[in-house]
C-alpha atoms as a PDB file:
ATOM      1  CA  MET A   1      66.812 -12.244 111.557  1.00  0.00           C
ATOM      2  CA  ASN A   2      69.310 -10.058 113.413  1.00  0.00           C
ATOM      3  CA  THR A   3      66.483  -8.547 115.431  1.00  0.00           C
ATOM      4  CA  MET A   4      65.197 -11.984 116.411  1.00  0.00           C
ATOM      5  CA  LEU A   5      68.671 -13.201 117.377  1.00  0.00           C
ATOM      6  CA  ARG A   6      69.255 -10.034 119.366  1.00  0.00           C
ATOM      7  CA  ALA A   7      65.930 -10.480 121.199  1.00  0.00           C
ATOM      8  CA  GLY A   8      66.727 -14.131 121.918  1.00  0.00           C
ATOM      9  CA  SER A   9      70.118 -13.186 123.308  1.00  0.00           C
ATOM     10  CA  ILE A  10      68.577 -10.573 125.575  1.00  0.00           C
ATOM     11  CA  LEU A  11      66.022 -13.095 126.888  1.00  0.00           C
ATOM     12  CA  ALA A  12      68.754 -15.642 127.499  1.00  0.00           C
ATOM     13  CA  LEU A  13      70.829 -13.050 129.357  1.00  0.00           C
ATOM     14  CA  LEU A  14      67.823 -12.060 131.453  1.00  0.00           C
ATOM     15  CA  GLY A  15      67.296 -15.727 132.291  1.00  0.00           C
ATOM     16  CA  LEU A  16      70.890 -16.062 133.476  1.00  0.00           C
ATOM     17  CA  MET A  17      70.571 -12.902 135.556  1.00  0.00           C
ATOM     18  CA  THR A  18      67.366 -14.186 137.125  1.00  0.00           C
ATOM     19  CA  THR A  19      69.054 -17.486 137.960  1.00  0.00           C
ATOM     20  CA  ALA A  20      72.014 -15.676 139.565  1.00  0.00           C
ATOM     21  CA  CYS A  21      69.771 -13.448 141.663  1.00  0.00           C
ATOM     22  CA  GLY A  22      67.727 -16.434 142.725  1.00  0.00           C
ATOM     23  CA  SER A  23      70.864 -18.136 144.027  1.00  0.00           C
ATOM     24  CA  ASP A  24      71.179 -15.373 146.639  1.00  0.00           C
ATOM     25  CA  ASP A  25      67.906 -16.572 148.135  1.00  0.00           C
ATOM     26  CA  THR A  26      68.962 -20.198 148.316  1.00  0.00           C
ATOM     27  CA  PRO A  27      69.086 -21.285 151.971  1.00  0.00           C
ATOM     28  CA  GLU A  28      72.534 -21.905 153.350  1.00  0.00           C
ATOM     29  CA  PRO A  29      73.278 -25.523 154.240  1.00  0.00           C
ATOM     30  CA  ALA A  30      72.643 -26.481 157.833  1.00  0.00           C
ATOM     31  CA  ALA A  31      75.520 -25.755 160.165  1.00  0.00           C
ATOM     32  CA  GLY A  32      77.714 -28.744 160.932  1.00  0.00           C
ATOM     33  CA  PRO A  33      78.983 -29.706 164.382  1.00  0.00           C
ATOM     34  CA  VAL A  34      81.490 -27.438 166.102  1.00  0.00           C
ATOM     35  CA  THR A  35      84.457 -29.123 167.743  1.00  0.00           C
ATOM     36  CA  ILE A  36      85.469 -27.746 171.143  1.00  0.00           C
ATOM     37  CA  GLU A  37      89.174 -28.302 171.616  1.00  0.00           C
ATOM     38  CA  ASP A  38      89.906 -31.127 174.113  1.00  0.00           C
ATOM     39  CA  VAL A  39      86.164 -31.726 174.562  1.00  0.00           C
ATOM     40  CA  GLY A  40      84.695 -32.874 171.254  1.00  0.00           C
ATOM     41  CA  PRO A  41      81.971 -32.050 168.715  1.00  0.00           C
ATOM     42  CA  VAL A  42      78.753 -30.227 169.597  1.00  0.00           C
ATOM     43  CA  GLU A  43      75.842 -30.571 167.186  1.00  0.00           C
ATOM     44  CA  ALA A  44      72.729 -28.501 166.626  1.00  0.00           C
ATOM     45  CA  ASP A  45      69.480 -29.609 168.251  1.00  0.00           C
ATOM     46  CA  ASP A  46      66.475 -29.055 165.979  1.00  0.00           C
ATOM     47  CA  ALA A  47      64.122 -28.341 168.871  1.00  0.00           C
ATOM     48  CA  LEU A  48      66.486 -25.697 170.270  1.00  0.00           C
ATOM     49  CA  VAL A  49      67.059 -24.174 166.828  1.00  0.00           C
ATOM     50  CA  GLY A  50      63.300 -23.738 166.672  1.00  0.00           C
ATOM     51  CA  GLN A  51      63.453 -21.488 169.763  1.00  0.00           C
ATOM     52  CA  LEU A  52      65.534 -18.843 167.984  1.00  0.00           C
ATOM     53  CA  PRO A  53      63.889 -15.471 167.313  1.00  0.00           C
ATOM     54  CA  ASP A  54      62.579 -14.988 163.762  1.00  0.00           C
ATOM     55  CA  ARG A  55      65.547 -12.832 162.768  1.00  0.00           C
ATOM     56  CA  LEU A  56      67.925 -15.792 163.238  1.00  0.00           C
ATOM     57  CA  SER A  57      68.040 -19.198 161.625  1.00  0.00           C
ATOM     58  CA  GLU A  58      70.380 -22.163 161.553  1.00  0.00           C
ATOM     59  CA  GLY A  59      73.716 -21.293 159.969  1.00  0.00           C
ATOM     60  CA  ASP A  60      73.613 -17.608 160.936  1.00  0.00           C
ATOM     61  CA  ARG A  61      76.448 -15.829 162.720  1.00  0.00           C
ATOM     62  CA  ILE A  62      76.070 -14.177 166.106  1.00  0.00           C
ATOM     63  CA  SER A  63      78.505 -11.497 167.250  1.00  0.00           C
ATOM     64  CA  VAL A  64      80.142 -11.831 170.676  1.00  0.00           C
ATOM     65  CA  ALA A  65      82.070  -9.019 172.376  1.00  0.00           C
ATOM     66  CA  THR A  66      84.567  -9.618 175.167  1.00  0.00           C
ATOM     67  CA  ASN A  67      87.532  -8.048 176.888  1.00  0.00           C
ATOM     68  CA  ALA A  68      90.618 -10.259 177.092  1.00  0.00           C
ATOM     69  CA  PRO A  69      92.633 -11.266 178.934  1.00  0.00           C
ATOM     70  CA  TYR A  70      90.609 -12.185 181.994  1.00  0.00           C
ATOM     71  CA  GLU A  71      91.619 -15.749 182.709  1.00  0.00           C
ATOM     72  CA  PRO A  72      90.315 -18.381 182.964  1.00  0.00           C
ATOM     73  CA  PHE A  73      87.191 -16.906 181.360  1.00  0.00           C
ATOM     74  CA  ILE A  74      88.780 -15.364 178.265  1.00  0.00           C
ATOM     75  CA  ALA A  75      92.290 -14.889 176.865  1.00  0.00           C
ATOM     76  CA  PHE A  76      94.118 -14.529 173.561  1.00  0.00           C
ATOM     77  CA  ARG A  77      95.354 -17.742 172.007  1.00  0.00           C
ATOM     78  CA  GLU A  78      98.665 -16.050 171.306  1.00  0.00           C
ATOM     79  CA  GLU A  79     100.149 -12.720 172.311  1.00  0.00           C
ATOM     80  CA  GLY A  80      99.603  -9.964 169.766  1.00  0.00           C
ATOM     81  CA  ASN A  81      96.660 -11.692 168.072  1.00  0.00           C
ATOM     82  CA  GLN A  82      93.426 -10.061 169.240  1.00  0.00           C
ATOM     83  CA  LYS A  83      91.162 -12.043 166.942  1.00  0.00           C
ATOM     84  CA  ASP A  84      91.695 -15.586 168.203  1.00  0.00           C
ATOM     85  CA  PHE A  85      90.447 -16.385 171.705  1.00  0.00           C
ATOM     86  CA  VAL A  86      90.517 -19.209 174.245  1.00  0.00           C
ATOM     87  CA  GLY A  87      88.999 -19.667 177.692  1.00  0.00           C
ATOM     88  CA  LEU A  88      86.038 -21.007 179.635  1.00  0.00           C
ATOM     89  CA  ASP A  89      83.574 -18.452 178.256  1.00  0.00           C
ATOM     90  CA  HIS A  90      84.896 -18.913 174.738  1.00  0.00           C
ATOM     91  CA  ASP A  91      84.238 -22.662 174.846  1.00  0.00           C
ATOM     92  CA  LEU A  92      80.828 -22.396 176.506  1.00  0.00           C
ATOM     93  CA  VAL A  93      79.556 -19.756 174.079  1.00  0.00           C
ATOM     94  CA  LEU A  94      80.848 -21.715 171.073  1.00  0.00           C
ATOM     95  CA  ALA A  95      79.135 -24.854 172.396  1.00  0.00           C
ATOM     96  CA  ALA A  96      75.828 -23.170 173.265  1.00  0.00           C
ATOM     97  CA  SER A  97      75.787 -21.389 169.884  1.00  0.00           C
ATOM     98  CA  ALA A  98      76.530 -24.650 168.080  1.00  0.00           C
ATOM     99  CA  ARG A  99      73.639 -26.332 169.901  1.00  0.00           C
ATOM    100  CA  LEU A 100      71.433 -23.553 168.442  1.00  0.00           C
ATOM    101  CA  GLY A 101      72.956 -23.981 164.983  1.00  0.00           C
ATOM    102  CA  LEU A 102      74.718 -20.608 165.179  1.00  0.00           C
ATOM    103  CA  GLU A 103      78.312 -19.593 164.527  1.00  0.00           C
ATOM    104  CA  ALA A 104      79.777 -17.349 167.247  1.00  0.00           C
ATOM    105  CA  GLU A 105      82.232 -14.665 166.132  1.00  0.00           C
ATOM    106  CA  PHE A 106      84.276 -13.008 168.892  1.00  0.00           C
ATOM    107  CA  GLN A 107      85.666  -9.486 168.947  1.00  0.00           C
ATOM    108  CA  GLN A 108      87.807  -7.588 171.450  1.00  0.00           C
ATOM    109  CA  GLN A 109      86.265  -4.500 173.072  1.00  0.00           C
ATOM    110  CA  PRO A 110      87.151  -2.284 176.075  1.00  0.00           C
ATOM    111  CA  PHE A 111      85.475  -3.651 179.198  1.00  0.00           C
ATOM    112  CA  ASP A 112      83.676  -0.395 179.973  1.00  0.00           C
ATOM    113  CA  GLY A 113      82.312  -0.376 176.425  1.00  0.00           C
ATOM    114  CA  LEU A 114      80.696  -3.828 176.523  1.00  0.00           C
ATOM    115  CA  VAL A 115      77.305  -2.829 177.936  1.00  0.00           C
ATOM    116  CA  PRO A 116      77.032   0.460 175.968  1.00  0.00           C
ATOM    117  CA  GLY A 117      77.959  -1.410 172.782  1.00  0.00           C
ATOM    118  CA  LEU A 118      75.302  -4.009 173.494  1.00  0.00           C
ATOM    119  CA  GLN A 119      72.742  -1.220 173.921  1.00  0.00           C
ATOM    120  CA  ALA A 120      73.878   0.347 170.638  1.00  0.00           C
ATOM    121  CA  GLY A 121      73.373  -2.918 168.783  1.00  0.00           C
ATOM    122  CA  LYS A 122      77.049  -3.375 167.884  1.00  0.00           C
ATOM    123  CA  TYR A 123      76.959  -7.053 168.914  1.00  0.00           C
ATOM    124  CA  ASP A 124      74.528  -9.657 170.218  1.00  0.00           C
ATOM    125  CA  VAL A 125      76.260 -11.039 173.325  1.00  0.00           C
ATOM    126  CA  ILE A 126      78.834  -9.895 175.896  1.00  0.00           C
ATOM    127  CA  VAL A 127      80.991 -12.408 177.784  1.00  0.00           C
ATOM    128  CA  GLY A 128      84.184 -12.684 179.812  1.00  0.00           C
ATOM    129  CA  GLY A 129      83.546 -13.407 183.496  1.00  0.00           C
ATOM    130  CA  ILE A 130      80.918 -10.658 183.666  1.00  0.00           C
ATOM    131  CA  THR A 131      79.115 -10.505 187.002  1.00  0.00           C
ATOM    132  CA  ASP A 132      75.343 -10.612 186.768  1.00  0.00           C
ATOM    133  CA  ASN A 133      74.280  -7.704 188.982  1.00  0.00           C
ATOM    134  CA  ARG A 134      71.122  -5.642 189.290  1.00  0.00           C
ATOM    135  CA  GLU A 135      72.663  -2.470 187.890  1.00  0.00           C
ATOM    136  CA  ARG A 136      73.537  -4.252 184.647  1.00  0.00           C
ATOM    137  CA  GLN A 137      70.111  -5.897 184.604  1.00  0.00           C
ATOM    138  CA  GLU A 138      68.583  -2.483 183.998  1.00  0.00           C
ATOM    139  CA  VAL A 139      69.649  -2.796 180.351  1.00  0.00           C
ATOM    140  CA  ALA A 140      70.746  -6.428 179.926  1.00  0.00           C
ATOM    141  CA  SER A 141      69.615  -9.948 180.771  1.00  0.00           C
ATOM    142  CA  PHE A 142      72.118 -12.610 181.780  1.00  0.00           C
ATOM    143  CA  VAL A 143      72.189 -16.338 181.186  1.00  0.00           C
ATOM    144  CA  ASP A 144      74.095 -17.434 184.283  1.00  0.00           C
ATOM    145  CA  TYR A 145      76.606 -20.238 183.732  1.00  0.00           C
ATOM    146  CA  SER A 146      78.763 -20.153 186.894  1.00  0.00           C
ATOM    147  CA  ALA A 147      78.995 -18.532 190.309  1.00  0.00           C
ATOM    148  CA  SER A 148      82.011 -17.479 192.334  1.00  0.00           C
ATOM    149  CA  GLY A 149      82.141 -16.009 195.808  1.00  0.00           C
ATOM    150  CA  THR A 150      84.791 -15.580 198.489  1.00  0.00           C
ATOM    151  CA  GLY A 151      86.964 -18.670 198.710  1.00  0.00           C
ATOM    152  CA  VAL A 152      89.597 -19.691 201.219  1.00  0.00           C
ATOM    153  CA  LEU A 153      93.086 -20.994 200.520  1.00  0.00           C
ATOM    154  CA  THR A 154      95.306 -22.487 203.210  1.00  0.00           C
ATOM    155  CA  THR A 155      98.568 -24.445 203.313  1.00  0.00           C
ATOM    156  CA  GLY A 156      98.653 -28.011 202.057  1.00  0.00           C
ATOM    157  CA  GLU A 157      98.494 -29.691 205.456  1.00  0.00           C
ATOM    158  CA  ASN A 158      95.661 -27.390 206.624  1.00  0.00           C
ATOM    159  CA  PRO A 159      97.070 -27.178 210.186  1.00  0.00           C
ATOM    160  CA  SER A 160      94.193 -24.972 211.374  1.00  0.00           C
ATOM    161  CA  GLY A 161      91.589 -27.474 210.204  1.00  0.00           C
ATOM    162  CA  ILE A 162      89.690 -24.960 208.068  1.00  0.00           C
ATOM    163  CA  GLY A 163      86.629 -26.504 206.486  1.00  0.00           C
ATOM    164  CA  ALA A 164      84.257 -23.550 206.238  1.00  0.00           C
ATOM    165  CA  ILE A 165      84.251 -19.763 206.457  1.00  0.00           C
ATOM    166  CA  SER A 166      83.133 -20.042 210.082  1.00  0.00           C
ATOM    167  CA  ASP A 167      86.487 -21.665 210.903  1.00  0.00           C
ATOM    168  CA  LEU A 168      88.293 -18.418 210.074  1.00  0.00           C
ATOM    169  CA  CYS A 169      87.193 -16.867 213.376  1.00  0.00           C
ATOM    170  CA  GLY A 170      90.251 -16.526 215.588  1.00  0.00           C
ATOM    171  CA  LEU A 171      92.678 -16.906 212.661  1.00  0.00           C
ATOM    172  CA  HIS A 172      94.862 -14.544 210.620  1.00  0.00           C
ATOM    173  CA  VAL A 173      93.731 -14.092 207.015  1.00  0.00           C
ATOM    174  CA  ALA A 174      95.387 -12.260 204.106  1.00  0.00           C
ATOM    175  CA  VAL A 175      93.343 -10.457 201.448  1.00  0.00           C
ATOM    176  CA  GLN A 176      93.961  -8.088 198.572  1.00  0.00           C
ATOM    177  CA  GLN A 177      93.711  -4.466 199.626  1.00  0.00           C
ATOM    178  CA  ALA A 178      90.351  -2.794 198.916  1.00  0.00           C
ATOM    179  CA  SER A 179      88.968  -6.025 197.456  1.00  0.00           C
ATOM    180  CA  ARG A 180      85.381  -7.156 197.817  1.00  0.00           C
ATOM    181  CA  GLN A 181      86.720 -10.065 199.889  1.00  0.00           C
ATOM    182  CA  GLN A 182      88.229  -7.708 202.453  1.00  0.00           C
ATOM    183  CA  GLU A 183      84.840  -6.043 202.898  1.00  0.00           C
ATOM    184  CA  ILE A 184      82.996  -9.381 203.066  1.00  0.00           C
ATOM    185  CA  LEU A 185      85.337 -10.905 205.653  1.00  0.00           C
ATOM    186  CA  GLU A 186      85.323  -7.778 207.809  1.00  0.00           C
ATOM    187  CA  ASP A 187      81.510  -7.817 207.819  1.00  0.00           C
ATOM    188  CA  TYR A 188      81.434 -11.557 208.517  1.00  0.00           C
ATOM    189  CA  ALA A 189      83.833 -11.217 211.445  1.00  0.00           C
ATOM    190  CA  GLU A 190      81.841  -8.394 212.985  1.00  0.00           C
ATOM    191  CA  GLU A 191      78.544 -10.258 212.715  1.00  0.00           C
ATOM    192  CA  ASN A 192      79.584 -13.858 213.386  1.00  0.00           C
ATOM    193  CA  CYS A 193      82.951 -14.227 215.177  1.00  0.00           C
ATOM    194  CA  ASP A 194      83.260 -14.472 218.966  1.00  0.00           C
ATOM    195  CA  GLU A 195      87.033 -14.765 218.564  1.00  0.00           C
ATOM    196  CA  PRO A 196      88.687 -11.918 216.618  1.00  0.00           C
ATOM    197  CA  LEU A 197      89.375 -12.535 212.936  1.00  0.00           C
ATOM    198  CA  ARG A 198      92.587 -10.721 212.090  1.00  0.00           C
ATOM    199  CA  ILE A 199      92.756  -9.466 208.509  1.00  0.00           C
ATOM    200  CA  THR A 200      95.901  -8.184 206.789  1.00  0.00           C
ATOM    201  CA  SER A 201      95.605  -6.620 203.340  1.00  0.00           C
ATOM    202  CA  TYR A 202      98.255  -6.654 200.611  1.00  0.00           C
ATOM    203  CA  PRO A 203      98.447  -4.571 197.419  1.00  0.00           C
ATOM    204  CA  GLU A 204      98.259  -7.687 195.228  1.00  0.00           C
ATOM    205  CA  ASN A 205      96.638 -11.072 195.693  1.00  0.00           C
ATOM    206  CA  THR A 206      99.930 -12.756 194.786  1.00  0.00           C
ATOM    207  CA  GLN A 207     101.512 -11.076 197.805  1.00  0.00           C
ATOM    208  CA  ALA A 208      98.780 -12.471 200.036  1.00  0.00           C
ATOM    209  CA  VAL A 209      99.550 -15.967 198.705  1.00  0.00           C
ATOM    210  CA  THR A 210     103.281 -15.397 199.317  1.00  0.00           C
ATOM    211  CA  ALA A 211     102.477 -14.466 202.930  1.00  0.00           C
ATOM    212  CA  LEU A 212     100.551 -17.732 203.283  1.00  0.00           C
ATOM    213  CA  LYS A 213     103.434 -19.796 201.905  1.00  0.00           C
ATOM    214  CA  ALA A 214     105.836 -18.001 204.273  1.00  0.00           C
ATOM    215  CA  GLY A 215     103.682 -18.896 207.291  1.00  0.00           C
ATOM    216  CA  MET A 216     102.808 -15.267 208.021  1.00  0.00           C
ATOM    217  CA  VAL A 217      99.039 -15.916 207.834  1.00  0.00           C
ATOM    218  CA  ASP A 218      96.745 -18.910 208.251  1.00  0.00           C
ATOM    219  CA  ALA A 219      94.737 -18.436 205.084  1.00  0.00           C
ATOM    220  CA  VAL A 220      94.021 -16.257 202.061  1.00  0.00           C
ATOM    221  CA  GLY A 221      90.562 -14.951 201.216  1.00  0.00           C
ATOM    222  CA  ALA A 222      89.967 -14.198 197.523  1.00  0.00           C
ATOM    223  CA  THR A 223      87.485 -14.910 194.749  1.00  0.00           C
ATOM    224  CA  GLN A 224      87.069 -18.651 194.435  1.00  0.00           C
ATOM    225  CA  VAL A 225      87.624 -18.643 190.679  1.00  0.00           C
ATOM    226  CA  ASN A 226      91.096 -17.120 191.174  1.00  0.00           C
ATOM    227  CA  LEU A 227      91.969 -19.450 194.036  1.00  0.00           C
ATOM    228  CA  VAL A 228      91.073 -22.470 191.905  1.00  0.00           C
ATOM    229  CA  GLN A 229      93.768 -21.406 189.465  1.00  0.00           C
ATOM    230  CA  THR A 230      96.252 -20.631 192.260  1.00  0.00           C
ATOM    231  CA  ALA A 231      95.679 -24.056 193.823  1.00  0.00           C
ATOM    232  CA  ALA A 232      96.239 -25.738 190.464  1.00  0.00           C
ATOM    233  CA  GLU A 233      99.524 -23.866 189.992  1.00  0.00           C
ATOM    234  CA  LEU A 234     100.889 -24.533 193.493  1.00  0.00           C
ATOM    235  CA  GLY A 235      99.751 -28.128 193.871  1.00  0.00           C
ATOM    236  CA  ASP A 236     100.390 -29.756 197.259  1.00  0.00           C
ATOM    237  CA  GLU A 237     101.770 -26.526 198.731  1.00  0.00           C
ATOM    238  CA  VAL A 238      98.215 -25.266 199.286  1.00  0.00           C
ATOM    239  CA  GLU A 239      94.665 -26.507 199.785  1.00  0.00           C
ATOM    240  CA  LEU A 240      91.506 -24.921 198.431  1.00  0.00           C
ATOM    241  CA  VAL A 241      88.865 -25.121 201.147  1.00  0.00           C
ATOM    242  CA  ILE A 242      85.469 -26.200 199.797  1.00  0.00           C
ATOM    243  CA  ASP A 243      82.813 -25.056 202.245  1.00  0.00           C
ATOM    244  CA  PRO A 244      79.929 -27.578 202.019  1.00  0.00           C
ATOM    245  CA  ASP A 245      77.407 -24.828 202.762  1.00  0.00           C
ATOM    246  CA  HIS A 246      78.940 -22.500 200.143  1.00  0.00           C
ATOM    247  CA  PRO A 247      80.481 -24.739 197.441  1.00  0.00           C
ATOM    248  CA  ASN A 248      80.853 -21.824 194.999  1.00  0.00           C
ATOM    249  CA  GLY A 249      82.355 -19.600 197.685  1.00  0.00           C
ATOM    250  CA  TYR A 250      80.712 -17.437 200.331  1.00  0.00           C
ATOM    251  CA  LEU A 251      78.152 -14.956 198.911  1.00  0.00           C
ATOM    252  CA  ALA A 252      78.702 -16.324 195.417  1.00  0.00           C
ATOM    253  CA  SER A 253      77.661 -13.955 192.613  1.00  0.00           C
ATOM    254  CA  PRO A 254      76.693 -15.460 189.250  1.00  0.00           C
ATOM    255  CA  ASN A 255      78.632 -14.835 186.071  1.00  0.00           C
ATOM    256  CA  GLY A 256      76.564 -14.622 182.921  1.00  0.00           C
ATOM    257  CA  PHE A 257      76.418 -14.134 179.178  1.00  0.00           C
ATOM    258  CA  GLY A 258      74.768 -10.744 178.630  1.00  0.00           C
ATOM    259  CA  PHE A 259      72.067 -10.016 176.049  1.00  0.00           C
ATOM    260  CA  LEU A 260      70.002  -6.941 175.347  1.00  0.00           C
ATOM    261  CA  LYS A 261      67.063  -6.959 177.751  1.00  0.00           C
ATOM    262  CA  ALA A 262      64.544  -6.820 174.905  1.00  0.00           C
ATOM    263  CA  GLU A 263      65.940 -10.047 173.376  1.00  0.00           C
ATOM    264  CA  GLU A 264      63.793 -12.340 175.535  1.00  0.00           C
ATOM    265  CA  GLU A 265      63.574 -15.133 172.942  1.00  0.00           C
ATOM    266  CA  LEU A 266      67.324 -15.168 172.385  1.00  0.00           C
ATOM    267  CA  VAL A 267      67.978 -15.211 176.134  1.00  0.00           C
ATOM    268  CA  GLU A 268      65.676 -18.189 176.610  1.00  0.00           C
ATOM    269  CA  ALA A 269      67.193 -19.993 173.614  1.00  0.00           C
ATOM    270  CA  TYR A 270      70.694 -19.682 175.081  1.00  0.00           C
ATOM    271  CA  ARG A 271      69.472 -20.693 178.538  1.00  0.00           C
ATOM    272  CA  ALA A 272      67.934 -23.830 177.054  1.00  0.00           C
ATOM    273  CA  ALA A 273      71.078 -24.524 175.014  1.00  0.00           C
ATOM    274  CA  LEU A 274      73.259 -24.186 178.112  1.00  0.00           C
ATOM    275  CA  GLN A 275      70.920 -26.508 180.022  1.00  0.00           C
ATOM    276  CA  SER A 276      71.273 -29.091 177.266  1.00  0.00           C
ATOM    277  CA  LEU A 277      75.071 -28.869 177.621  1.00  0.00           C
ATOM    278  CA  MET A 278      74.648 -29.475 181.352  1.00  0.00           C
ATOM    279  CA  ASP A 279      72.347 -32.434 180.741  1.00  0.00           C
ATOM    280  CA  ASP A 280      74.662 -34.262 178.326  1.00  0.00           C
ATOM    281  CA  GLY A 281      77.898 -33.619 180.268  1.00  0.00           C
ATOM    282  CA  THR A 282      79.497 -31.174 177.820  1.00  0.00           C
ATOM    283  CA  TYR A 283      79.267 -28.333 180.360  1.00  0.00           C
ATOM    284  CA  GLU A 284      81.066 -30.397 182.990  1.00  0.00           C
ATOM    285  CA  GLN A 285      83.774 -31.363 180.489  1.00  0.00           C
ATOM    286  CA  ILE A 286      84.402 -27.719 179.562  1.00  0.00           C
ATOM    287  CA  LEU A 287      84.648 -26.623 183.199  1.00  0.00           C
ATOM    288  CA  ALA A 288      86.997 -29.530 183.937  1.00  0.00           C
ATOM    289  CA  LYS A 289      89.174 -28.542 180.978  1.00  0.00           C
ATOM    290  CA  TRP A 290      89.742 -25.162 182.647  1.00  0.00           C
ATOM    291  CA  GLY A 291      89.915 -26.590 186.175  1.00  0.00           C
ATOM    292  CA  GLN A 292      86.780 -24.705 187.211  1.00  0.00           C
ATOM    293  CA  GLU A 293      84.451 -27.433 188.488  1.00  0.00           C
ATOM    294  CA  ALA A 294      84.219 -25.500 191.771  1.00  0.00           C
ATOM    295  CA  ILE A 295      82.211 -22.670 190.155  1.00  0.00           C
ATOM    296  CA  ALA A 296      79.658 -24.905 188.412  1.00  0.00           C
ATOM    297  CA  LEU A 297      75.901 -24.405 188.666  1.00  0.00           C
ATOM    298  CA  ASP A 298      73.330 -27.196 188.952  1.00  0.00           C
ATOM    299  CA  GLU A 299      71.077 -25.633 186.335  1.00  0.00           C
ATOM    300  CA  ALA A 300      71.091 -22.841 183.793  1.00  0.00           C
ATOM    301  CA  THR A 301      69.356 -19.713 185.116  1.00  0.00           C
ATOM    302  CA  VAL A 302      68.577 -16.138 184.093  1.00  0.00           C
ATOM    303  CA  ASN A 303      69.203 -12.942 186.093  1.00  0.00           C
ATOM    304  CA  GLN A 304      70.076 -14.480 189.460  1.00  0.00           C
ATOM    305  CA  ALA A 305      72.046 -11.481 190.811  1.00  0.00           C
ATOM    306  CA  ILE A 306      72.437 -11.461 194.595  1.00  0.00           C
ATOM    307  CA  ASP A 307      73.363  -7.811 195.124  1.00  0.00           C
END
């Protein structure tokens, strides 16, 4: 009798153990919508979820590395907390991941360690205003979500009538010393201006803007994404010139979310997810939230470096 009871107990225990182990294999419930602050909920799209590589399925987490602060793309929600992020890239990656049924988890990394860490498999995606260029394309592929080139800022009344980069010929323009914009404007002046374009460089871009406000120069040349923020801060004191031939700025380089080059399926899945955000207006809402409509793209692309 004792032997039979003991055997029955062992079988019952084995049954419980089998049930517990089986629960580990139970599929996780489908991911619910993710709410983007000041924008709204973003739900998974079954067709897009089906584009994920085999190693990923709905409800999985994807690791995202960034280097904050680099506003407006990425910043810390509060000083001293390096685990909670805000910014344009933060919102777009959360939304694109949600459309794929994935949960994006962000982590802070040194900027010069983003690409090496991606190569080492430490995370799945790198973001934070990263320029899509051909050197980085040797190891990574980029889903391009915005583009920003050299923009022009002038005073609120625009007394020089600047409407395009060609109107800078014959004027006095301030730039940040040793910036890409200084090089671009010097090259432009040499190749295109009959009247001399005078360029004065300042150690910091803020000093160039101060010179503009003081009437010392006619305009400031800087990256359009930074000038958008400056124009928003200064209001009627300044005017951001939108060149109809170069709406994202002159020689606009794309910014992209970086993935390991071998992850072709994942790259295409995120491109398609971003396109769906463009199609339903979520993309436009997120850019408007951060005041960055001027760097928008018409469609989601991959590896569109111009250098």
